Amino acid sequence: MAMINPPVEVMIEKAKSRYALVTAVSKRAKELLIERPEFFKDNKRVKPIELASNQFHNGEYTIERAKLEL
C-alpha cells in the first residue's frame, strides 16, 4: 500500500464527498496556475494539484456549500 500525503480518506471526510473534493482541489489548482505561473516554471517538481491538495488538507481554503431556497 502506497502512502499518499495528504491522506485521501481524511480529505474526503473534510469535503463530505469525493465529488466535492475533486471539484474544489482541481479548481484551486487552476487558480494557482493563473496566480503563480512563474513559480511552477521554476519549480518543475511541484505540481499545482499537489499544492492545492496540501492547502485544502491544511485548512488554507474550505468548501462552501450553497443553500438552496425552494
C-alpha atoms as a PDB file:
ATOM      1  CA  MET A   1       0.000   0.000   0.000  1.00  0.00           C
ATOM      2  CA  ALA A   2       1.434   3.370  -1.017  1.00  0.00           C
ATOM      3  CA  MET A   3       1.478   6.340   1.302  1.00  0.00           C
ATOM      4  CA  ILE A   4      -0.382   9.303  -0.128  1.00  0.00           C
ATOM      5  CA  ASN A   5       0.208  12.561   1.604  1.00  0.00           C
ATOM      6  CA  PRO A   6      -2.133  14.179   2.446  1.00  0.00           C
ATOM      7  CA  PRO A   7      -4.316  11.126   3.122  1.00  0.00           C
ATOM      8  CA  VAL A   8      -7.228  10.988   0.692  1.00  0.00           C
ATOM      9  CA  GLU A   9      -9.599   9.445   3.238  1.00  0.00           C
ATOM     10  CA  VAL A  10      -9.079  12.373   5.604  1.00  0.00           C
ATOM     11  CA  MET A  11      -9.656  14.905   2.848  1.00  0.00           C
ATOM     12  CA  ILE A  12     -12.848  13.153   1.708  1.00  0.00           C
ATOM     13  CA  GLU A  13     -14.178  13.393   5.271  1.00  0.00           C
ATOM     14  CA  LYS A  14     -13.415  17.129   5.335  1.00  0.00           C
ATOM     15  CA  ALA A  15     -15.050  17.667   1.928  1.00  0.00           C
ATOM     16  CA  LYS A  16     -18.065  15.445   2.746  1.00  0.00           C
ATOM     17  CA  SER A  17     -17.914  13.781  -0.702  1.00  0.00           C
ATOM     18  CA  ARG A  18     -15.424  12.677  -3.330  1.00  0.00           C
ATOM     19  CA  TYR A  19     -17.068  14.880  -5.932  1.00  0.00           C
ATOM     20  CA  ALA A  20     -16.747  17.990  -3.752  1.00  0.00           C
ATOM     21  CA  LEU A  21     -13.105  17.175  -3.020  1.00  0.00           C
ATOM     22  CA  VAL A  22     -12.155  16.658  -6.668  1.00  0.00           C
ATOM     23  CA  THR A  23     -14.018  19.772  -7.769  1.00  0.00           C
ATOM     24  CA  ALA A  24     -12.536  22.018  -5.087  1.00  0.00           C
ATOM     25  CA  VAL A  25      -8.956  20.798  -5.446  1.00  0.00           C
ATOM     26  CA  SER A  26      -8.986  20.996  -9.246  1.00  0.00           C
ATOM     27  CA  LYS A  27     -10.489  24.492  -9.153  1.00  0.00           C
ATOM     28  CA  ARG A  28      -7.816  25.625  -6.682  1.00  0.00           C
ATOM     29  CA  ALA A  29      -5.054  24.055  -8.809  1.00  0.00           C
ATOM     30  CA  LYS A  30      -6.267  26.061 -11.822  1.00  0.00           C
ATOM     31  CA  GLU A  31      -6.294  29.228  -9.708  1.00  0.00           C
ATOM     32  CA  LEU A  32      -2.723  28.548  -8.594  1.00  0.00           C
ATOM     33  CA  LEU A  33      -1.592  28.154 -12.206  1.00  0.00           C
ATOM     34  CA  ILE A  34      -3.110  31.531 -13.054  1.00  0.00           C
ATOM     35  CA  GLU A  35      -1.876  33.283  -9.887  1.00  0.00           C
ATOM     36  CA  ARG A  36       1.693  31.971  -9.886  1.00  0.00           C
ATOM     37  CA  PRO A  37       2.753  30.637 -13.296  1.00  0.00           C
ATOM     38  CA  GLU A  38       6.411  31.538 -12.757  1.00  0.00           C
ATOM     39  CA  PHE A  39       6.519  29.548  -9.504  1.00  0.00           C
ATOM     40  CA  PHE A  40       5.591  26.360 -11.384  1.00  0.00           C
ATOM     41  CA  LYS A  41       8.010  27.125 -14.221  1.00  0.00           C
ATOM     42  CA  ASP A  42      10.850  27.489 -11.708  1.00  0.00           C
ATOM     43  CA  ASN A  43       9.780  24.503  -9.575  1.00  0.00           C
ATOM     44  CA  LYS A  44       9.093  21.681 -12.011  1.00  0.00           C
ATOM     45  CA  ARG A  45       8.844  19.094  -9.219  1.00  0.00           C
ATOM     46  CA  VAL A  46       5.898  20.858  -7.538  1.00  0.00           C
ATOM     47  CA  LYS A  47       2.590  20.143  -9.234  1.00  0.00           C
ATOM     48  CA  PRO A  48      -0.399  22.508  -8.897  1.00  0.00           C
ATOM     49  CA  ILE A  49      -2.705  19.661  -7.858  1.00  0.00           C
ATOM     50  CA  GLU A  50      -0.268  18.632  -5.125  1.00  0.00           C
ATOM     51  CA  LEU A  51      -0.058  22.180  -3.762  1.00  0.00           C
ATOM     52  CA  ALA A  52      -3.849  22.581  -3.890  1.00  0.00           C
ATOM     53  CA  SER A  53      -4.329  19.261  -2.060  1.00  0.00           C
ATOM     54  CA  ASN A  54      -1.925  20.305   0.673  1.00  0.00           C
ATOM     55  CA  GLN A  55      -3.638  23.674   1.043  1.00  0.00           C
ATOM     56  CA  PHE A  56      -7.034  22.012   1.429  1.00  0.00           C
ATOM     57  CA  HIS A  57      -5.677  19.479   3.910  1.00  0.00           C
ATOM     58  CA  ASN A  58      -4.039  22.257   5.963  1.00  0.00           C
ATOM     59  CA  GLY A  59      -7.263  24.276   6.034  1.00  0.00           C
ATOM     60  CA  GLU A  60      -5.964  27.168   3.925  1.00  0.00           C
ATOM     61  CA  TYR A  61      -9.220  27.055   1.983  1.00  0.00           C
ATOM     62  CA  THR A  62     -12.528  25.291   2.549  1.00  0.00           C
ATOM     63  CA  ILE A  63     -15.593  24.258   0.611  1.00  0.00           C
ATOM     64  CA  GLU A  64     -18.662  26.430   1.000  1.00  0.00           C
ATOM     65  CA  ARG A  65     -21.963  24.828   0.293  1.00  0.00           C
ATOM     66  CA  ALA A  66     -24.729  26.839  -1.316  1.00  0.00           C
ATOM     67  CA  LYS A  67     -28.049  26.868   0.472  1.00  0.00           C
ATOM     68  CA  LEU A  68     -30.986  26.130  -1.769  1.00  0.00           C
ATOM     69  CA  GLU A  69     -34.174  28.043  -1.213  1.00  0.00           C
ATOM     70  CA  LEU A  70     -37.286  26.419  -2.599  1.00  0.00           C
END
